[in-house]
Amino acid sequence: MSTLSVVSLCIASLSLLGCCLIIILNIRFKSYRSHFFRRLILVLTIYDFFHATTFFMSVENTGKICTLQGIYLTLIGLCPPYMSFIISILTFLKIDRNYSDFKLKKIFLYLHLVGIIQAFGFTFLAVYFGKIDQTPGTNWCFIASTKWIFVYYCVLWVDLIGSFIAYGLSVKVITRSLKELKQYKDSNYTLFDSETKKKELRLQLRMMAIPLSLFFTIIFSSIKRIRYFLEPTAKPIYSIDVLQAISNPSQGLLDCIVFVFLSKYSREKLKLLLKCKSENVKTLKHSTLSIQSNQEESFMVIQISGEDSNESLLSETSN
């Protein structure tokens, strides 16, 4: 196994752990599941989890196994950028148009359905025209055609650019709203409502990190693909390969950093989760020790009673 493969596997492992942490927080705390935009982050995290698993599949395959691997890699690769695009659109509609969560859920279902059709449609066409095969110079089964790879990356970048545009419009509205909240003088607007609104706006502002992290994950692989598209016989640049090995599998890890470790709310929930785990371990140890002590006491009582019975028998025989 090459050094670059080891680097990719290490980053992918950290991404899997980060995704698992976000999923555990959503399962453990109801407040995560009841918040619409945190549920969207959960959906993105699930896609990132499956995306990280693709970096453990770099084994030489042939025939149907190769085709199945290529289908999986193509489908999963298209999902996170489009999910980022959906979140950016919904954020803009929430901030600028003040859409209700019920209306946003309906829009999310429609857009999600469009994304599934897009991913499956592109993958089906790639399989139908025989474009999925062993990628030259690698152990991956993916899109082997240079032109189809170019189309694939064009789809990714359209989703990413759309995310940046929608988030750019949202950031203007968010920053303006935060300034207004700092200077509010309306007596009907309580301090609690103000702080709640600030937290909501900051969460949505933090979501700007989603397209930024996606940009980091695909920029170096895009440079490499464009270079090969323009000059198929070009020699690989080692620095680009290293950056690609680090950035490609890092989406789940970056999500965990942004939405767990850089979020005060998530850090508090994580501390609470770890505290509950440590208390459960202490309780388990205490119960185990108490059971052992009770067993020892009962054994001693039985032993003492046995000795007393033996003494009584000896006294009776002597009499």
C-alpha atoms as a PDB file:
ATOM      1  CA  MET A   1       0.000   0.000   0.000  1.00  0.00           C
ATOM      2  CA  SER A   2       1.389   3.404  -0.988  1.00  0.00           C
ATOM      3  CA  THR A   3       1.929   6.324   1.388  1.00  0.00           C
ATOM      4  CA  LEU A   4      -0.868   8.327  -0.244  1.00  0.00           C
ATOM      5  CA  SER A   5      -3.298   5.437   0.267  1.00  0.00           C
ATOM      6  CA  VAL A   6      -2.393   5.279   3.958  1.00  0.00           C
ATOM      7  CA  VAL A   7      -2.966   9.037   4.275  1.00  0.00           C
ATOM      8  CA  SER A   8      -6.373   8.759   2.596  1.00  0.00           C
ATOM      9  CA  LEU A   9      -7.375   5.850   4.838  1.00  0.00           C
ATOM     10  CA  CYS A  10      -6.354   7.757   7.980  1.00  0.00           C
ATOM     11  CA  ILE A  11      -8.345  10.858   6.983  1.00  0.00           C
ATOM     12  CA  ALA A  12     -11.295   8.684   5.928  1.00  0.00           C
ATOM     13  CA  SER A  13     -11.211   6.934   9.325  1.00  0.00           C
ATOM     14  CA  LEU A  14     -11.336  10.309  11.102  1.00  0.00           C
ATOM     15  CA  SER A  15     -14.234  11.331   8.856  1.00  0.00           C
ATOM     16  CA  LEU A  16     -16.122   8.159   9.773  1.00  0.00           C
ATOM     17  CA  LEU A  17     -15.576   8.881  13.472  1.00  0.00           C
ATOM     18  CA  GLY A  18     -16.721  12.482  13.019  1.00  0.00           C
ATOM     19  CA  CYS A  19     -19.868  11.384  11.192  1.00  0.00           C
ATOM     20  CA  CYS A  20     -20.595   8.783  13.890  1.00  0.00           C
ATOM     21  CA  LEU A  21     -20.268  11.470  16.570  1.00  0.00           C
ATOM     22  CA  ILE A  22     -22.811  13.726  14.831  1.00  0.00           C
ATOM     23  CA  ILE A  23     -25.195  10.785  14.345  1.00  0.00           C
ATOM     24  CA  ILE A  24     -24.872   9.768  18.036  1.00  0.00           C
ATOM     25  CA  LEU A  25     -25.649  13.326  19.188  1.00  0.00           C
ATOM     26  CA  ASN A  26     -28.760  13.365  16.990  1.00  0.00           C
ATOM     27  CA  ILE A  27     -29.894  10.000  18.363  1.00  0.00           C
ATOM     28  CA  ARG A  28     -29.158  10.872  22.011  1.00  0.00           C
ATOM     29  CA  PHE A  29     -30.647  14.391  22.178  1.00  0.00           C
ATOM     30  CA  LYS A  30     -34.164  15.191  21.029  1.00  0.00           C
ATOM     31  CA  SER A  31     -33.322  18.885  20.564  1.00  0.00           C
ATOM     32  CA  TYR A  32     -31.159  17.937  17.570  1.00  0.00           C
ATOM     33  CA  ARG A  33     -33.927  15.945  15.925  1.00  0.00           C
ATOM     34  CA  SER A  34     -36.546  18.640  16.551  1.00  0.00           C
ATOM     35  CA  HIS A  35     -34.522  21.347  14.772  1.00  0.00           C
ATOM     36  CA  PHE A  36     -35.107  21.380  11.018  1.00  0.00           C
ATOM     37  CA  PHE A  37     -31.672  22.595   9.917  1.00  0.00           C
ATOM     38  CA  ARG A  38     -29.873  20.218  12.279  1.00  0.00           C
ATOM     39  CA  ARG A  39     -31.807  17.386  10.635  1.00  0.00           C
ATOM     40  CA  LEU A  40     -30.508  18.614   7.275  1.00  0.00           C
ATOM     41  CA  ILE A  41     -26.967  18.459   8.670  1.00  0.00           C
ATOM     42  CA  LEU A  42     -27.725  14.892   9.778  1.00  0.00           C
ATOM     43  CA  VAL A  43     -28.755  13.929   6.223  1.00  0.00           C
ATOM     44  CA  LEU A  44     -25.559  15.501   4.859  1.00  0.00           C
ATOM     45  CA  THR A  45     -23.554  13.638   7.522  1.00  0.00           C
ATOM     46  CA  ILE A  46     -25.061  10.301   6.446  1.00  0.00           C
ATOM     47  CA  TYR A  47     -24.037  11.005   2.841  1.00  0.00           C
ATOM     48  CA  ASP A  48     -20.547  11.977   4.037  1.00  0.00           C
ATOM     49  CA  PHE A  49     -20.358   8.741   6.045  1.00  0.00           C
ATOM     50  CA  PHE A  50     -20.963   6.642   2.930  1.00  0.00           C
ATOM     51  CA  HIS A  51     -18.588   8.871   0.966  1.00  0.00           C
ATOM     52  CA  ALA A  52     -15.815   8.132   3.499  1.00  0.00           C
ATOM     53  CA  THR A  53     -16.393   4.379   3.120  1.00  0.00           C
ATOM     54  CA  THR A  54     -15.466   4.588  -0.572  1.00  0.00           C
ATOM     55  CA  PHE A  55     -11.798   5.137   0.352  1.00  0.00           C
ATOM     56  CA  PHE A  56     -11.635   1.638   1.828  1.00  0.00           C
ATOM     57  CA  MET A  57     -12.556   0.081  -1.525  1.00  0.00           C
ATOM     58  CA  SER A  58      -9.341   0.623  -3.521  1.00  0.00           C
ATOM     59  CA  VAL A  59      -8.872  -3.034  -4.442  1.00  0.00           C
ATOM     60  CA  GLU A  60      -8.411  -4.378  -7.954  1.00  0.00           C
ATOM     61  CA  ASN A  61     -11.748  -5.749  -9.144  1.00  0.00           C
ATOM     62  CA  THR A  62     -13.023  -7.045 -12.449  1.00  0.00           C
ATOM     63  CA  GLY A  63     -16.331  -7.856 -14.064  1.00  0.00           C
ATOM     64  CA  LYS A  64     -19.547  -7.300 -12.122  1.00  0.00           C
ATOM     65  CA  ILE A  65     -17.741  -6.421  -8.884  1.00  0.00           C
ATOM     66  CA  CYS A  66     -15.897  -3.633 -10.691  1.00  0.00           C
ATOM     67  CA  THR A  67     -19.189  -2.345 -12.119  1.00  0.00           C
ATOM     68  CA  LEU A  68     -20.865  -2.390  -8.711  1.00  0.00           C
ATOM     69  CA  GLN A  69     -17.958  -0.510  -7.173  1.00  0.00           C
ATOM     70  CA  GLY A  70     -18.083   2.075  -9.968  1.00  0.00           C
ATOM     71  CA  ILE A  71     -21.839   2.540  -9.481  1.00  0.00           C
ATOM     72  CA  TYR A  72     -21.397   3.023  -5.733  1.00  0.00           C
ATOM     73  CA  LEU A  73     -18.545   5.520  -6.123  1.00  0.00           C
ATOM     74  CA  THR A  74     -20.414   7.525  -8.766  1.00  0.00           C
ATOM     75  CA  LEU A  75     -23.669   7.698  -6.790  1.00  0.00           C
ATOM     76  CA  ILE A  76     -22.072   8.600  -3.467  1.00  0.00           C
ATOM     77  CA  GLY A  77     -19.740  11.147  -5.053  1.00  0.00           C
ATOM     78  CA  LEU A  78     -22.663  13.126  -6.475  1.00  0.00           C
ATOM     79  CA  CYS A  79     -24.728  13.231  -3.272  1.00  0.00           C
ATOM     80  CA  PRO A  80     -22.849  15.591  -0.830  1.00  0.00           C
ATOM     81  CA  PRO A  81     -22.468  18.553  -3.259  1.00  0.00           C
ATOM     82  CA  TYR A  82     -26.134  18.398  -4.244  1.00  0.00           C
ATOM     83  CA  MET A  83     -27.168  18.121  -0.582  1.00  0.00           C
ATOM     84  CA  SER A  84     -25.086  21.227   0.097  1.00  0.00           C
ATOM     85  CA  PHE A  85     -26.968  22.982  -2.696  1.00  0.00           C
ATOM     86  CA  ILE A  86     -30.328  21.978  -1.157  1.00  0.00           C
ATOM     87  CA  ILE A  87     -29.309  23.259   2.293  1.00  0.00           C
ATOM     88  CA  SER A  88     -28.148  26.573   0.821  1.00  0.00           C
ATOM     89  CA  ILE A  89     -31.465  27.070  -1.023  1.00  0.00           C
ATOM     90  CA  LEU A  90     -33.512  26.231   2.086  1.00  0.00           C
ATOM     91  CA  THR A  91     -31.353  28.549   4.212  1.00  0.00           C
ATOM     92  CA  PHE A  92     -31.980  31.406   1.810  1.00  0.00           C
ATOM     93  CA  LEU A  93     -35.745  30.749   1.760  1.00  0.00           C
ATOM     94  CA  LYS A  94     -35.819  30.657   5.566  1.00  0.00           C
ATOM     95  CA  ILE A  95     -33.762  33.807   6.042  1.00  0.00           C
ATOM     96  CA  ASP A  96     -34.965  35.994   3.189  1.00  0.00           C
ATOM     97  CA  ARG A  97     -38.513  34.729   2.555  1.00  0.00           C
ATOM     98  CA  ASN A  98     -39.277  33.583   6.120  1.00  0.00           C
ATOM     99  CA  TYR A  99     -40.702  30.231   4.987  1.00  0.00           C
ATOM    100  CA  SER A 100     -42.152  27.963   7.673  1.00  0.00           C
ATOM    101  CA  ASP A 101     -40.514  24.626   8.519  1.00  0.00           C
ATOM    102  CA  PHE A 102     -43.510  22.778   7.060  1.00  0.00           C
ATOM    103  CA  LYS A 103     -43.089  24.526   3.713  1.00  0.00           C
ATOM    104  CA  LEU A 104     -39.332  23.967   3.766  1.00  0.00           C
ATOM    105  CA  LYS A 105     -39.873  20.237   4.376  1.00  0.00           C
ATOM    106  CA  LYS A 106     -42.031  19.988   1.247  1.00  0.00           C
ATOM    107  CA  ILE A 107     -39.432  21.849  -0.826  1.00  0.00           C
ATOM    108  CA  PHE A 108     -36.702  19.626   0.618  1.00  0.00           C
ATOM    109  CA  LEU A 109     -38.569  16.461  -0.432  1.00  0.00           C
ATOM    110  CA  TYR A 110     -39.008  17.758  -3.995  1.00  0.00           C
ATOM    111  CA  LEU A 111     -35.385  18.894  -4.329  1.00  0.00           C
ATOM    112  CA  HIS A 112     -34.122  15.684  -2.753  1.00  0.00           C
ATOM    113  CA  LEU A 113     -36.134  13.659  -5.260  1.00  0.00           C
ATOM    114  CA  VAL A 114     -34.620  15.694  -8.100  1.00  0.00           C
ATOM    115  CA  GLY A 115     -31.136  15.011  -6.709  1.00  0.00           C
ATOM    116  CA  ILE A 116     -31.773  11.269  -6.495  1.00  0.00           C
ATOM    117  CA  ILE A 117     -33.018  11.243 -10.094  1.00  0.00           C
ATOM    118  CA  GLN A 118     -29.943  13.238 -11.173  1.00  0.00           C
ATOM    119  CA  ALA A 119     -27.477  10.881  -9.436  1.00  0.00           C
ATOM    120  CA  PHE A 120     -29.157   7.662 -10.564  1.00  0.00           C
ATOM    121  CA  GLY A 121     -29.711   9.007 -14.092  1.00  0.00           C
ATOM    122  CA  PHE A 122     -26.069   9.943 -14.602  1.00  0.00           C
ATOM    123  CA  THR A 123     -24.880   6.627 -13.127  1.00  0.00           C
ATOM    124  CA  PHE A 124     -27.309   4.629 -15.273  1.00  0.00           C
ATOM    125  CA  LEU A 125     -26.118   6.366 -18.437  1.00  0.00           C
ATOM    126  CA  ALA A 126     -22.476   5.740 -17.482  1.00  0.00           C
ATOM    127  CA  VAL A 127     -23.203   2.026 -17.003  1.00  0.00           C
ATOM    128  CA  TYR A 128     -25.368   1.794 -20.137  1.00  0.00           C
ATOM    129  CA  PHE A 129     -22.673   3.271 -22.361  1.00  0.00           C
ATOM    130  CA  GLY A 130     -19.944   1.167 -20.708  1.00  0.00           C
ATOM    131  CA  LYS A 131     -18.017   4.081 -19.216  1.00  0.00           C
ATOM    132  CA  ILE A 132     -17.442   2.479 -15.795  1.00  0.00           C
ATOM    133  CA  ASP A 133     -14.238   0.467 -15.684  1.00  0.00           C
ATOM    134  CA  GLN A 134     -10.862   0.230 -13.962  1.00  0.00           C
ATOM    135  CA  THR A 135      -9.494   3.775 -13.828  1.00  0.00           C
ATOM    136  CA  PRO A 136      -6.059   3.854 -15.497  1.00  0.00           C
ATOM    137  CA  GLY A 137      -3.172   4.067 -13.044  1.00  0.00           C
ATOM    138  CA  THR A 138      -5.328   3.343  -9.977  1.00  0.00           C
ATOM    139  CA  ASN A 139      -7.040   0.449  -8.185  1.00  0.00           C
ATOM    140  CA  TRP A 140     -10.439   2.128  -8.479  1.00  0.00           C
ATOM    141  CA  CYS A 141     -13.395   1.130 -10.567  1.00  0.00           C
ATOM    142  CA  PHE A 142     -14.937   4.437 -11.564  1.00  0.00           C
ATOM    143  CA  ILE A 143     -15.753   6.438 -14.685  1.00  0.00           C
ATOM    144  CA  ALA A 144     -12.917   5.563 -17.062  1.00  0.00           C
ATOM    145  CA  SER A 145     -13.827   7.984 -19.880  1.00  0.00           C
ATOM    146  CA  THR A 146     -12.089  11.369 -19.747  1.00  0.00           C
ATOM    147  CA  LYS A 147     -15.086  13.195 -21.256  1.00  0.00           C
ATOM    148  CA  TRP A 148     -17.520  11.598 -18.815  1.00  0.00           C
ATOM    149  CA  ILE A 149     -15.234  12.483 -15.907  1.00  0.00           C
ATOM    150  CA  PHE A 150     -15.304  16.071 -17.139  1.00  0.00           C
ATOM    151  CA  VAL A 151     -19.131  16.030 -17.179  1.00  0.00           C
ATOM    152  CA  TYR A 152     -19.128  14.466 -13.701  1.00  0.00           C
ATOM    153  CA  TYR A 153     -16.988  17.269 -12.275  1.00  0.00           C
ATOM    154  CA  CYS A 154     -19.069  19.881 -14.102  1.00  0.00           C
ATOM    155  CA  VAL A 155     -22.136  18.580 -12.224  1.00  0.00           C
ATOM    156  CA  LEU A 156     -20.249  18.817  -8.923  1.00  0.00           C
ATOM    157  CA  TRP A 157     -19.129  22.372  -9.613  1.00  0.00           C
ATOM    158  CA  VAL A 158     -22.589  23.535 -10.731  1.00  0.00           C
ATOM    159  CA  ASP A 159     -23.969  22.333  -7.387  1.00  0.00           C
ATOM    160  CA  LEU A 160     -21.100  23.954  -5.500  1.00  0.00           C
ATOM    161  CA  ILE A 161     -21.339  27.305  -7.304  1.00  0.00           C
ATOM    162  CA  GLY A 162     -25.110  27.324  -6.761  1.00  0.00           C
ATOM    163  CA  SER A 163     -24.450  26.769  -3.046  1.00  0.00           C
ATOM    164  CA  PHE A 164     -22.040  29.706  -2.900  1.00  0.00           C
ATOM    165  CA  ILE A 165     -24.515  32.013  -4.660  1.00  0.00           C
ATOM    166  CA  ALA A 166     -27.407  31.066  -2.352  1.00  0.00           C
ATOM    167  CA  TYR A 167     -25.242  31.332   0.763  1.00  0.00           C
ATOM    168  CA  GLY A 168     -23.820  34.658  -0.416  1.00  0.00           C
ATOM    169  CA  LEU A 169     -27.346  36.073  -0.615  1.00  0.00           C
ATOM    170  CA  SER A 170     -28.193  34.566   2.782  1.00  0.00           C
ATOM    171  CA  VAL A 171     -25.091  35.949   4.508  1.00  0.00           C
ATOM    172  CA  LYS A 172     -26.087  39.516   3.623  1.00  0.00           C
ATOM    173  CA  VAL A 173     -29.489  39.028   5.197  1.00  0.00           C
ATOM    174  CA  ILE A 174     -28.029  37.260   8.260  1.00  0.00           C
ATOM    175  CA  THR A 175     -25.419  39.942   8.976  1.00  0.00           C
ATOM    176  CA  ARG A 176     -28.028  42.680   8.578  1.00  0.00           C
ATOM    177  CA  SER A 177     -30.390  40.855  10.962  1.00  0.00           C
ATOM    178  CA  LEU A 178     -27.640  40.370  13.565  1.00  0.00           C
ATOM    179  CA  LYS A 179     -26.841  44.099  13.475  1.00  0.00           C
ATOM    180  CA  GLU A 180     -30.508  44.935  13.945  1.00  0.00           C
ATOM    181  CA  LEU A 181     -30.752  42.559  16.920  1.00  0.00           C
ATOM    182  CA  LYS A 182     -27.790  44.252  18.603  1.00  0.00           C
ATOM    183  CA  GLN A 183     -29.505  47.633  18.362  1.00  0.00           C
ATOM    184  CA  TYR A 184     -33.139  46.656  18.911  1.00  0.00           C
ATOM    185  CA  LYS A 185     -35.262  49.007  21.062  1.00  0.00           C
ATOM    186  CA  ASP A 186     -38.651  47.416  20.662  1.00  0.00           C
ATOM    187  CA  SER A 187     -40.093  46.688  24.113  1.00  0.00           C
ATOM    188  CA  ASN A 188     -42.298  43.946  22.676  1.00  0.00           C
ATOM    189  CA  TYR A 189     -39.226  42.020  21.576  1.00  0.00           C
ATOM    190  CA  THR A 190     -37.925  40.283  24.697  1.00  0.00           C
ATOM    191  CA  LEU A 191     -34.314  39.478  25.500  1.00  0.00           C
ATOM    192  CA  PHE A 192     -35.055  35.743  25.305  1.00  0.00           C
ATOM    193  CA  ASP A 193     -36.479  36.106  21.772  1.00  0.00           C
ATOM    194  CA  SER A 194     -33.450  38.153  20.793  1.00  0.00           C
ATOM    195  CA  GLU A 195     -30.955  35.533  22.025  1.00  0.00           C
ATOM    196  CA  THR A 196     -32.934  32.708  20.404  1.00  0.00           C
ATOM    197  CA  LYS A 197     -32.958  34.556  17.090  1.00  0.00           C
ATOM    198  CA  LYS A 198     -29.221  35.214  17.356  1.00  0.00           C
ATOM    199  CA  LYS A 199     -28.494  31.518  17.916  1.00  0.00           C
ATOM    200  CA  GLU A 200     -30.651  30.597  14.928  1.00  0.00           C
ATOM    201  CA  LEU A 201     -28.891  33.100  12.682  1.00  0.00           C
ATOM    202  CA  ARG A 202     -25.441  32.004  13.837  1.00  0.00           C
ATOM    203  CA  LEU A 203     -26.265  28.373  13.083  1.00  0.00           C
ATOM    204  CA  GLN A 204     -27.374  29.298   9.583  1.00  0.00           C
ATOM    205  CA  LEU A 205     -24.282  31.473   9.157  1.00  0.00           C
ATOM    206  CA  ARG A 206     -22.138  28.499  10.226  1.00  0.00           C
ATOM    207  CA  MET A 207     -23.698  26.479   7.415  1.00  0.00           C
ATOM    208  CA  MET A 208     -21.638  28.586   5.038  1.00  0.00           C
ATOM    209  CA  ALA A 209     -18.832  26.213   6.041  1.00  0.00           C
ATOM    210  CA  ILE A 210     -20.538  23.377   4.116  1.00  0.00           C
ATOM    211  CA  PRO A 211     -19.737  24.649   0.589  1.00  0.00           C
ATOM    212  CA  LEU A 212     -16.332  25.886   1.795  1.00  0.00           C
ATOM    213  CA  SER A 213     -15.409  22.410   3.037  1.00  0.00           C
ATOM    214  CA  LEU A 214     -16.781  20.844  -0.149  1.00  0.00           C
ATOM    215  CA  PHE A 215     -14.664  23.274  -2.156  1.00  0.00           C
ATOM    216  CA  PHE A 216     -11.611  22.045  -0.226  1.00  0.00           C
ATOM    217  CA  THR A 217     -12.521  18.384  -0.857  1.00  0.00           C
ATOM    218  CA  ILE A 218     -12.900  18.608  -4.643  1.00  0.00           C
ATOM    219  CA  ILE A 219     -10.592  21.444  -5.732  1.00  0.00           C
ATOM    220  CA  PHE A 220      -7.386  19.376  -5.951  1.00  0.00           C
ATOM    221  CA  SER A 221      -9.016  16.386  -7.627  1.00  0.00           C
ATOM    222  CA  SER A 222     -10.626  18.833 -10.095  1.00  0.00           C
ATOM    223  CA  ILE A 223      -7.223  20.384 -10.889  1.00  0.00           C
ATOM    224  CA  LYS A 224      -5.815  16.915 -11.483  1.00  0.00           C
ATOM    225  CA  ARG A 225      -8.728  15.901 -13.753  1.00  0.00           C
ATOM    226  CA  ILE A 226      -8.607  19.138 -15.762  1.00  0.00           C
ATOM    227  CA  ARG A 227      -4.867  18.715 -16.223  1.00  0.00           C
ATOM    228  CA  TYR A 228      -5.314  15.163 -17.532  1.00  0.00           C
ATOM    229  CA  PHE A 229      -8.199  16.293 -19.722  1.00  0.00           C
ATOM    230  CA  LEU A 230      -6.021  18.945 -21.362  1.00  0.00           C
ATOM    231  CA  GLU A 231      -2.869  16.789 -21.454  1.00  0.00           C
ATOM    232  CA  PRO A 232      -3.591  13.029 -21.087  1.00  0.00           C
ATOM    233  CA  THR A 233       0.109  12.087 -21.101  1.00  0.00           C
ATOM    234  CA  ALA A 234       1.096  14.559 -18.372  1.00  0.00           C
ATOM    235  CA  LYS A 235       3.106  13.229 -15.445  1.00  0.00           C
ATOM    236  CA  PRO A 236       1.457  13.433 -12.015  1.00  0.00           C
ATOM    237  CA  ILE A 237       2.459  16.245  -9.655  1.00  0.00           C
ATOM    238  CA  TYR A 238       3.239  14.748  -6.259  1.00  0.00           C
ATOM    239  CA  SER A 239       2.165  17.809  -4.250  1.00  0.00           C
ATOM    240  CA  ILE A 240      -1.273  17.781  -5.932  1.00  0.00           C
ATOM    241  CA  ASP A 241      -1.579  14.055  -5.225  1.00  0.00           C
ATOM    242  CA  VAL A 242      -0.782  14.622  -1.537  1.00  0.00           C
ATOM    243  CA  LEU A 243      -3.319  17.439  -1.219  1.00  0.00           C
ATOM    244  CA  GLN A 244      -5.896  15.306  -2.989  1.00  0.00           C
ATOM    245  CA  ALA A 245      -5.225  12.380  -0.621  1.00  0.00           C
ATOM    246  CA  ILE A 246      -5.774  14.699   2.359  1.00  0.00           C
ATOM    247  CA  SER A 247      -8.756  16.677   1.073  1.00  0.00           C
ATOM    248  CA  ASN A 248     -10.882  14.073  -0.726  1.00  0.00           C
ATOM    249  CA  PRO A 249     -11.953  12.010   2.318  1.00  0.00           C
ATOM    250  CA  SER A 250     -12.095  14.920   4.786  1.00  0.00           C
ATOM    251  CA  GLN A 251     -15.727  16.042   4.388  1.00  0.00           C
ATOM    252  CA  GLY A 252     -17.068  14.157   7.425  1.00  0.00           C
ATOM    253  CA  LEU A 253     -14.153  15.330   9.568  1.00  0.00           C
ATOM    254  CA  LEU A 254     -14.723  18.974   8.568  1.00  0.00           C
ATOM    255  CA  ASP A 255     -18.460  18.683   9.334  1.00  0.00           C
ATOM    256  CA  CYS A 256     -17.619  17.378  12.809  1.00  0.00           C
ATOM    257  CA  ILE A 257     -15.175  20.232  13.445  1.00  0.00           C
ATOM    258  CA  VAL A 258     -17.631  22.917  12.315  1.00  0.00           C
ATOM    259  CA  PHE A 259     -20.897  21.608  13.768  1.00  0.00           C
ATOM    260  CA  VAL A 260     -19.591  19.936  16.957  1.00  0.00           C
ATOM    261  CA  PHE A 261     -16.257  21.336  18.148  1.00  0.00           C
ATOM    262  CA  LEU A 262     -16.830  24.939  16.958  1.00  0.00           C
ATOM    263  CA  SER A 263     -20.428  25.026  18.214  1.00  0.00           C
ATOM    264  CA  LYS A 264     -20.955  25.938  21.873  1.00  0.00           C
ATOM    265  CA  TYR A 265     -24.320  24.169  21.929  1.00  0.00           C
ATOM    266  CA  SER A 266     -22.878  20.948  20.502  1.00  0.00           C
ATOM    267  CA  ARG A 267     -19.863  21.069  22.838  1.00  0.00           C
ATOM    268  CA  GLU A 268     -22.197  21.304  25.837  1.00  0.00           C
ATOM    269  CA  LYS A 269     -24.219  18.338  24.557  1.00  0.00           C
ATOM    270  CA  LEU A 270     -21.017  16.380  23.959  1.00  0.00           C
ATOM    271  CA  LYS A 271     -19.816  17.087  27.517  1.00  0.00           C
ATOM    272  CA  LEU A 272     -23.198  15.989  28.827  1.00  0.00           C
ATOM    273  CA  LEU A 273     -23.003  12.796  26.768  1.00  0.00           C
ATOM    274  CA  LEU A 274     -19.491  11.995  28.030  1.00  0.00           C
ATOM    275  CA  LYS A 275     -20.522  12.811  31.605  1.00  0.00           C
ATOM    276  CA  CYS A 276     -23.481  10.419  31.371  1.00  0.00           C
ATOM    277  CA  LYS A 277     -21.190   7.711  29.980  1.00  0.00           C
ATOM    278  CA  SER A 278     -18.652   8.152  32.792  1.00  0.00           C
ATOM    279  CA  GLU A 279     -21.409   8.107  35.430  1.00  0.00           C
ATOM    280  CA  ASN A 280     -22.838   4.934  33.910  1.00  0.00           C
ATOM    281  CA  VAL A 281     -19.394   3.319  34.021  1.00  0.00           C
ATOM    282  CA  LYS A 282     -18.959   4.345  37.680  1.00  0.00           C
ATOM    283  CA  THR A 283     -22.416   3.013  38.528  1.00  0.00           C
ATOM    284  CA  LEU A 284     -21.635  -0.249  36.753  1.00  0.00           C
ATOM    285  CA  LYS A 285     -18.336  -0.612  38.608  1.00  0.00           C
ATOM    286  CA  HIS A 286     -20.021   0.204  41.940  1.00  0.00           C
ATOM    287  CA  SER A 287     -22.788  -2.340  41.329  1.00  0.00           C
ATOM    288  CA  THR A 288     -20.213  -4.963  40.338  1.00  0.00           C
ATOM    289  CA  LEU A 289     -18.195  -4.334  43.518  1.00  0.00           C
ATOM    290  CA  SER A 290     -21.329  -4.449  45.673  1.00  0.00           C
ATOM    291  CA  ILE A 291     -22.367  -7.747  44.088  1.00  0.00           C
ATOM    292  CA  GLN A 292     -18.898  -9.169  44.702  1.00  0.00           C
ATOM    293  CA  SER A 293     -18.910  -7.990  48.341  1.00  0.00           C
ATOM    294  CA  ASN A 294     -22.379  -9.439  48.892  1.00  0.00           C
ATOM    295  CA  GLN A 295     -21.224 -12.734  47.415  1.00  0.00           C
ATOM    296  CA  GLU A 296     -18.165 -12.730  49.698  1.00  0.00           C
ATOM    297  CA  GLU A 297     -20.292 -11.939  52.766  1.00  0.00           C
ATOM    298  CA  SER A 298     -22.777 -14.685  51.931  1.00  0.00           C
ATOM    299  CA  PHE A 299     -19.901 -17.116  51.398  1.00  0.00           C
ATOM    300  CA  MET A 300     -18.436 -16.179  54.789  1.00  0.00           C
ATOM    301  CA  VAL A 301     -21.824 -16.632  56.479  1.00  0.00           C
ATOM    302  CA  ILE A 302     -22.199 -20.051  54.896  1.00  0.00           C
ATOM    303  CA  GLN A 303     -18.673 -20.978  55.927  1.00  0.00           C
ATOM    304  CA  ILE A 304     -19.237 -19.832  59.536  1.00  0.00           C
ATOM    305  CA  SER A 305     -22.560 -21.635  59.763  1.00  0.00           C
ATOM    306  CA  GLY A 306     -20.860 -24.764  58.419  1.00  0.00           C
ATOM    307  CA  GLU A 307     -18.152 -24.520  61.080  1.00  0.00           C
ATOM    308  CA  ASP A 308     -20.779 -24.074  63.814  1.00  0.00           C
ATOM    309  CA  SER A 309     -22.658 -27.141  62.617  1.00  0.00           C
ATOM    310  CA  ASN A 310     -19.448 -29.179  62.616  1.00  0.00           C
ATOM    311  CA  GLU A 311     -18.669 -28.079  66.202  1.00  0.00           C
ATOM    312  CA  SER A 312     -22.158 -29.044  67.358  1.00  0.00           C
ATOM    313  CA  LEU A 313     -21.797 -32.485  65.788  1.00  0.00           C
ATOM    314  CA  LEU A 314     -18.447 -33.031  67.489  1.00  0.00           C
ATOM    315  CA  SER A 315     -19.873 -32.046  70.884  1.00  0.00           C
ATOM    316  CA  GLU A 316     -22.793 -34.440  70.461  1.00  0.00           C
ATOM    317  CA  THR A 317     -20.524 -37.365  69.531  1.00  0.00           C
ATOM    318  CA  SER A 318     -18.224 -36.658  72.497  1.00  0.00           C
ATOM    319  CA  ASN A 319     -21.217 -36.666  74.853  1.00  0.00           C
END
